[in-house]
Amino acid sequence: MEFSMIFIVSNIMLLFSSAFAKTASPPSLSPTPAPAPAPDFVNLTELLSVAGPFHTFLGYLESTKVIDTFQNQANNTEEGITIFVPKDSAFNAIKKTTLSNLTSNQLKQVILFHALPHFYSLAEFTSLSQTSSTPTFAGGDYTLNFTDDSGTVHINSGWSKTRVSSAVHSTDPVAIYQVDKVLLPEAIFGTDIPPAPAPAPTPDIAPAADSPTEHSADSKASSPSSTHDGSSSHKLISYGIWANLVLATFGVLVLF
């Protein structure tokens, strides 16, 4: 009897436990957040090729290999980059010898001078105008000074002054702004720029007929003093002959 009661109670407990297991809802799991999309790759060469015209500046970027530095900063760092790009007309406005007289290292520094190693929107230049100077990619003394005049950004390189005339591209991490003049650093143009080599002078070879020796000989032969001396001597000799003849004649007359 006791065994039967234990068996019945056990079955009832098993039935309740199975029913509770079916009705109990499983714990909810929070979904794994999707990874943030990677920023789009910015091709600076393609961007500058279709904008502008910035062909001259792009040519200097490629010839100095600075394009690789800017491209790496734009797509492989969290800081981003801000580039100031002069139009082709800005390069035409300066003397042709201004950049052609520079060494390869100086020219590279000039191109690096046109970028900041950080992304700046136009609104952020207000805070930059409150600082004494802002470092550029060229480093060292190659700094820029900014002034925000009622929304117009003015740039002072120490040797040249210009302004931001338009925003070509301003999406983090790349900002590209068009400027009216080429940024010339005082660190280079405030000192003596290597002058262009002067052409060698053409040697002035005088003809043989004009040699000093022959000329001096001809001068002596044709000089008035030489002619005068000769004529004086001739006159003295003539006077002596006539005087002797007169004396001889006078002596003959005295004898007779």
Protein backbone atom coordinates (compact mmCIF):
# COMPACT_ATOMS: atom_id res chain seq x y z
CA MET A 1 0.00 0.00 0.00
CA GLU A 2 2.74 2.41 0.92
CA PHE A 3 4.66 1.50 -2.22
CA SER A 4 1.57 2.21 -4.36
CA MET A 5 1.16 5.64 -2.77
CA ILE A 6 4.81 6.50 -3.37
CA PHE A 7 4.53 5.43 -7.01
CA ILE A 8 1.40 7.52 -7.55
CA VAL A 9 2.92 10.61 -5.95
CA SER A 10 6.07 10.24 -8.04
CA ASN A 11 4.10 10.05 -11.27
CA ILE A 12 2.07 13.12 -10.34
CA MET A 13 5.27 15.11 -9.65
CA LEU A 14 6.75 14.01 -12.96
CA LEU A 15 3.60 15.15 -14.79
CA PHE A 16 3.70 18.58 -13.12
CA SER A 17 7.41 19.06 -13.84
CA SER A 18 7.03 18.17 -17.53
CA ALA A 19 4.06 20.50 -17.87
CA PHE A 20 5.98 23.35 -16.24
CA ALA A 21 8.92 22.78 -18.53
CA LYS A 22 6.70 23.04 -21.61
CA THR A 23 4.98 26.25 -20.46
CA ALA A 24 8.17 28.00 -19.30
CA SER A 25 9.54 30.28 -22.03
CA PRO A 26 13.26 30.12 -22.82
CA PRO A 27 15.38 33.13 -21.83
CA SER A 28 15.65 35.80 -24.56
CA LEU A 29 19.13 36.48 -26.03
CA SER A 30 20.05 40.04 -27.12
CA PRO A 31 21.16 40.18 -30.78
CA THR A 32 24.85 40.85 -31.53
CA PRO A 33 25.25 44.43 -32.82
CA ALA A 34 26.35 44.69 -36.44
CA PRO A 35 29.85 46.04 -36.97
CA ALA A 36 30.07 49.70 -37.95
CA PRO A 37 30.57 50.14 -41.69
CA ALA A 38 34.09 51.08 -42.72
CA PRO A 39 34.45 54.63 -44.10
CA ASP A 40 34.55 54.91 -47.85
CA PHE A 41 38.02 55.00 -49.42
CA VAL A 42 38.85 58.48 -50.71
CA ASN A 43 40.98 58.58 -53.84
CA LEU A 44 42.66 61.99 -53.75
CA THR A 45 44.06 61.69 -57.27
CA GLU A 46 40.64 61.01 -58.73
CA LEU A 47 39.01 63.69 -56.60
CA LEU A 48 41.46 66.42 -57.64
CA SER A 49 41.36 65.32 -61.28
CA VAL A 50 37.64 65.98 -61.66
CA ALA A 51 37.58 69.13 -59.49
CA GLY A 52 39.36 72.38 -59.92
CA PRO A 53 41.22 72.84 -62.29
CA PHE A 54 43.98 71.62 -59.97
CA HIS A 55 46.21 69.93 -62.56
CA THR A 56 49.37 71.84 -61.61
CA PHE A 57 49.06 71.08 -57.90
CA LEU A 58 48.22 67.44 -58.64
CA GLY A 59 51.31 67.24 -60.85
CA TYR A 60 53.50 68.47 -57.98
CA LEU A 61 51.81 66.00 -55.59
CA GLU A 62 52.71 63.10 -57.85
CA SER A 63 56.24 64.23 -58.82
CA THR A 64 57.25 64.76 -55.17
CA LYS A 65 55.49 61.55 -53.98
CA VAL A 66 53.57 63.64 -51.42
CA ILE A 67 50.35 62.14 -52.77
CA ASP A 68 51.26 58.87 -51.01
CA THR A 69 51.67 60.66 -47.68
CA PHE A 70 48.34 62.46 -48.01
CA GLN A 71 46.55 59.32 -49.21
CA ASN A 72 47.76 57.30 -46.23
CA GLN A 73 46.73 60.04 -43.81
CA ALA A 74 43.27 60.27 -45.37
CA ASN A 75 42.38 56.58 -45.24
CA ASN A 76 44.57 54.94 -42.61
CA THR A 77 44.39 57.33 -39.65
CA GLU A 78 41.67 58.60 -37.33
CA GLU A 79 42.89 62.21 -37.56
CA GLY A 80 42.06 62.69 -41.21
CA ILE A 81 43.51 65.47 -43.36
CA THR A 82 42.80 69.03 -44.51
CA ILE A 83 44.29 70.12 -47.85
CA PHE A 84 44.47 73.64 -49.31
CA VAL A 85 44.58 73.42 -53.11
CA PRO A 86 45.59 76.39 -55.33
CA LYS A 87 44.00 76.61 -58.75
CA ASP A 88 46.12 76.42 -61.89
CA SER A 89 45.76 80.20 -62.31
CA ALA A 90 47.38 80.67 -58.88
CA PHE A 91 50.54 78.95 -60.11
CA ASN A 92 50.48 80.98 -63.32
CA ALA A 93 50.36 84.18 -61.27
CA ILE A 94 53.77 83.58 -59.66
CA LYS A 95 57.11 83.83 -61.44
CA LYS A 96 58.20 80.70 -63.25
CA THR A 97 61.52 80.76 -61.41
CA THR A 98 59.84 80.87 -57.97
CA LEU A 99 59.50 77.08 -57.79
CA SER A 100 61.96 76.02 -60.50
CA ASN A 101 64.90 77.44 -58.50
CA LEU A 102 64.08 75.31 -55.44
CA THR A 103 65.84 72.10 -54.58
CA SER A 104 63.82 68.88 -54.70
CA ASN A 105 63.58 68.82 -50.90
CA GLN A 106 62.43 72.46 -50.74
CA LEU A 107 59.77 71.82 -53.38
CA LYS A 108 58.51 68.83 -51.38
CA GLN A 109 58.30 70.99 -48.26
CA VAL A 110 56.23 73.57 -50.16
CA ILE A 111 53.70 70.92 -51.21
CA LEU A 112 53.55 69.41 -47.69
CA PHE A 113 52.97 72.96 -46.43
CA HIS A 114 49.53 72.90 -48.11
CA ALA A 115 48.00 70.34 -45.72
CA LEU A 116 47.15 69.92 -42.03
CA PRO A 117 47.37 66.47 -40.36
CA HIS A 118 43.78 66.72 -39.10
CA PHE A 119 40.28 67.06 -40.52
CA TYR A 120 38.85 70.56 -40.03
CA SER A 121 35.38 71.65 -41.06
CA LEU A 122 34.87 75.30 -42.00
CA ALA A 123 33.24 75.96 -38.63
CA GLU A 124 36.35 74.74 -36.79
CA PHE A 125 38.55 77.45 -38.31
CA THR A 126 37.02 79.85 -35.80
CA SER A 127 38.89 78.05 -33.02
CA LEU A 128 42.07 77.85 -35.14
CA SER A 129 42.00 81.63 -35.56
CA GLN A 130 42.46 81.97 -31.81
CA THR A 131 45.78 80.10 -31.87
CA SER A 132 49.07 81.74 -32.79
CA SER A 133 50.03 79.14 -35.41
CA THR A 134 48.90 75.77 -36.74
CA PRO A 135 51.43 73.06 -37.71
CA THR A 136 51.36 71.63 -41.22
CA PHE A 137 52.62 68.39 -42.71
CA ALA A 138 55.96 70.08 -43.42
CA GLY A 139 56.61 70.29 -39.65
CA GLY A 140 59.07 72.53 -37.85
CA ASP A 141 58.70 76.21 -38.64
CA TYR A 142 56.28 75.50 -41.46
CA THR A 143 53.12 76.78 -39.77
CA LEU A 144 50.00 78.66 -40.92
CA ASN A 145 47.99 81.41 -39.26
CA PHE A 146 44.21 81.52 -39.72
CA THR A 147 41.77 84.39 -39.36
CA ASP A 148 37.99 83.99 -39.50
CA ASP A 149 36.44 87.18 -40.85
CA SER A 150 32.65 86.80 -40.72
CA GLY A 151 32.83 83.27 -42.08
CA THR A 152 35.62 83.92 -44.60
CA VAL A 153 38.79 82.04 -43.69
CA HIS A 154 42.02 83.94 -44.36
CA ILE A 155 45.40 82.18 -44.39
CA ASN A 156 48.77 83.77 -43.69
CA SER A 157 51.85 81.71 -44.56
CA GLY A 158 54.29 84.37 -43.38
CA TRP A 159 55.28 85.09 -46.98
CA SER A 160 51.91 85.09 -48.76
CA LYS A 161 48.31 85.77 -47.77
CA THR A 162 45.20 84.23 -49.31
CA ARG A 163 41.71 83.03 -48.44
CA VAL A 164 39.58 79.92 -48.73
CA SER A 165 37.36 80.59 -51.74
CA SER A 166 35.34 77.35 -51.74
CA ALA A 167 35.01 73.89 -50.22
CA VAL A 168 35.81 71.18 -52.76
CA HIS A 169 35.23 68.24 -50.37
CA SER A 170 34.38 68.40 -46.68
CA THR A 171 33.39 64.98 -45.39
CA ASP A 172 35.26 63.43 -42.48
CA PRO A 173 38.08 62.30 -42.76
CA VAL A 174 39.02 64.45 -45.79
CA ALA A 175 38.58 68.19 -46.23
CA ILE A 176 39.77 69.92 -49.42
CA TYR A 177 39.52 73.70 -49.72
CA GLN A 178 40.32 75.85 -52.74
CA VAL A 179 42.63 78.84 -52.14
CA ASP A 180 43.37 81.81 -54.39
CA LYS A 181 47.17 81.79 -54.04
CA VAL A 182 50.03 79.35 -53.66
CA LEU A 183 51.09 79.06 -50.01
CA LEU A 184 54.76 80.05 -49.90
CA PRO A 185 56.44 79.31 -46.54
CA GLU A 186 58.57 82.00 -44.97
CA ALA A 187 60.98 79.27 -43.85
CA ILE A 188 62.06 79.00 -47.50
CA PHE A 189 61.13 82.25 -49.22
CA GLY A 190 62.12 84.43 -46.29
CA THR A 191 65.73 83.40 -46.92
CA ASP A 192 67.91 83.39 -49.98
CA ILE A 193 66.51 81.12 -52.66
CA PRO A 194 69.14 79.31 -54.74
CA PRO A 195 69.56 81.61 -57.79
CA ALA A 196 69.31 80.31 -61.30
CA PRO A 197 72.77 79.72 -62.80
CA ALA A 198 73.82 82.66 -64.98
CA PRO A 199 74.83 81.85 -68.57
CA ALA A 200 78.56 81.77 -69.20
CA PRO A 201 79.77 84.99 -70.91
CA THR A 202 80.84 84.69 -74.53
CA PRO A 203 84.64 85.23 -74.81
CA ASP A 204 85.47 88.44 -76.69
CA ILE A 205 88.26 87.50 -79.11
CA ALA A 206 89.77 90.51 -80.89
CA PRO A 207 91.01 90.11 -84.49
CA ALA A 208 94.77 89.94 -85.07
CA ALA A 209 94.81 93.27 -86.93
CA ASP A 210 93.68 95.02 -83.73
CA SER A 211 96.40 93.62 -81.47
CA PRO A 212 97.95 96.18 -79.08
CA THR A 213 101.50 95.73 -80.49
CA GLU A 214 100.63 96.47 -84.06
CA HIS A 215 98.29 99.23 -83.05
CA SER A 216 100.95 100.95 -80.96
CA ALA A 217 103.48 100.59 -83.78
CA ASP A 218 101.05 102.11 -86.26
CA SER A 219 100.30 104.90 -83.80
CA LYS A 220 103.98 105.78 -83.46
CA ALA A 221 104.52 105.73 -87.17
CA SER A 222 101.59 108.03 -87.83
CA SER A 223 101.88 110.30 -84.77
CA PRO A 224 102.38 114.09 -85.44
CA SER A 225 105.35 114.28 -83.07
CA SER A 226 107.34 111.79 -85.16
CA THR A 227 106.61 113.69 -88.36
CA HIS A 228 107.53 117.00 -86.73
CA ASP A 229 110.86 115.66 -85.45
CA GLY A 230 111.81 114.38 -88.88
CA SER A 231 111.00 117.61 -90.66
CA SER A 232 112.98 119.68 -88.07
CA SER A 233 116.11 117.60 -88.55
CA HIS A 234 115.84 117.99 -92.31
CA LYS A 235 115.59 121.75 -91.99
CA LEU A 236 118.69 121.98 -89.73
CA ILE A 237 120.78 119.99 -92.22
CA SER A 238 119.65 122.25 -95.08
CA TYR A 239 120.54 125.40 -93.15
CA GLY A 240 124.05 124.04 -92.41
CA ILE A 241 124.75 123.34 -96.11
CA TRP A 242 123.66 126.83 -97.20
CA ALA A 243 125.71 128.46 -94.45
CA ASN A 244 128.87 126.64 -95.59
CA LEU A 245 128.27 127.68 -99.21
CA VAL A 246 127.85 131.34 -98.21
CA LEU A 247 131.04 131.32 -96.15
CA ALA A 248 133.04 129.71 -99.01
CA THR A 249 131.80 132.27 -101.51
CA PHE A 250 132.61 135.13 -99.16
CA GLY A 251 136.18 133.77 -98.69
CA VAL A 252 136.79 133.61 -102.44
CA LEU A 253 135.67 137.20 -102.88
CA VAL A 254 138.00 138.36 -100.12
CA LEU A 255 140.98 136.71 -101.81
CA PHE A 256 140.34 138.47 -105.08
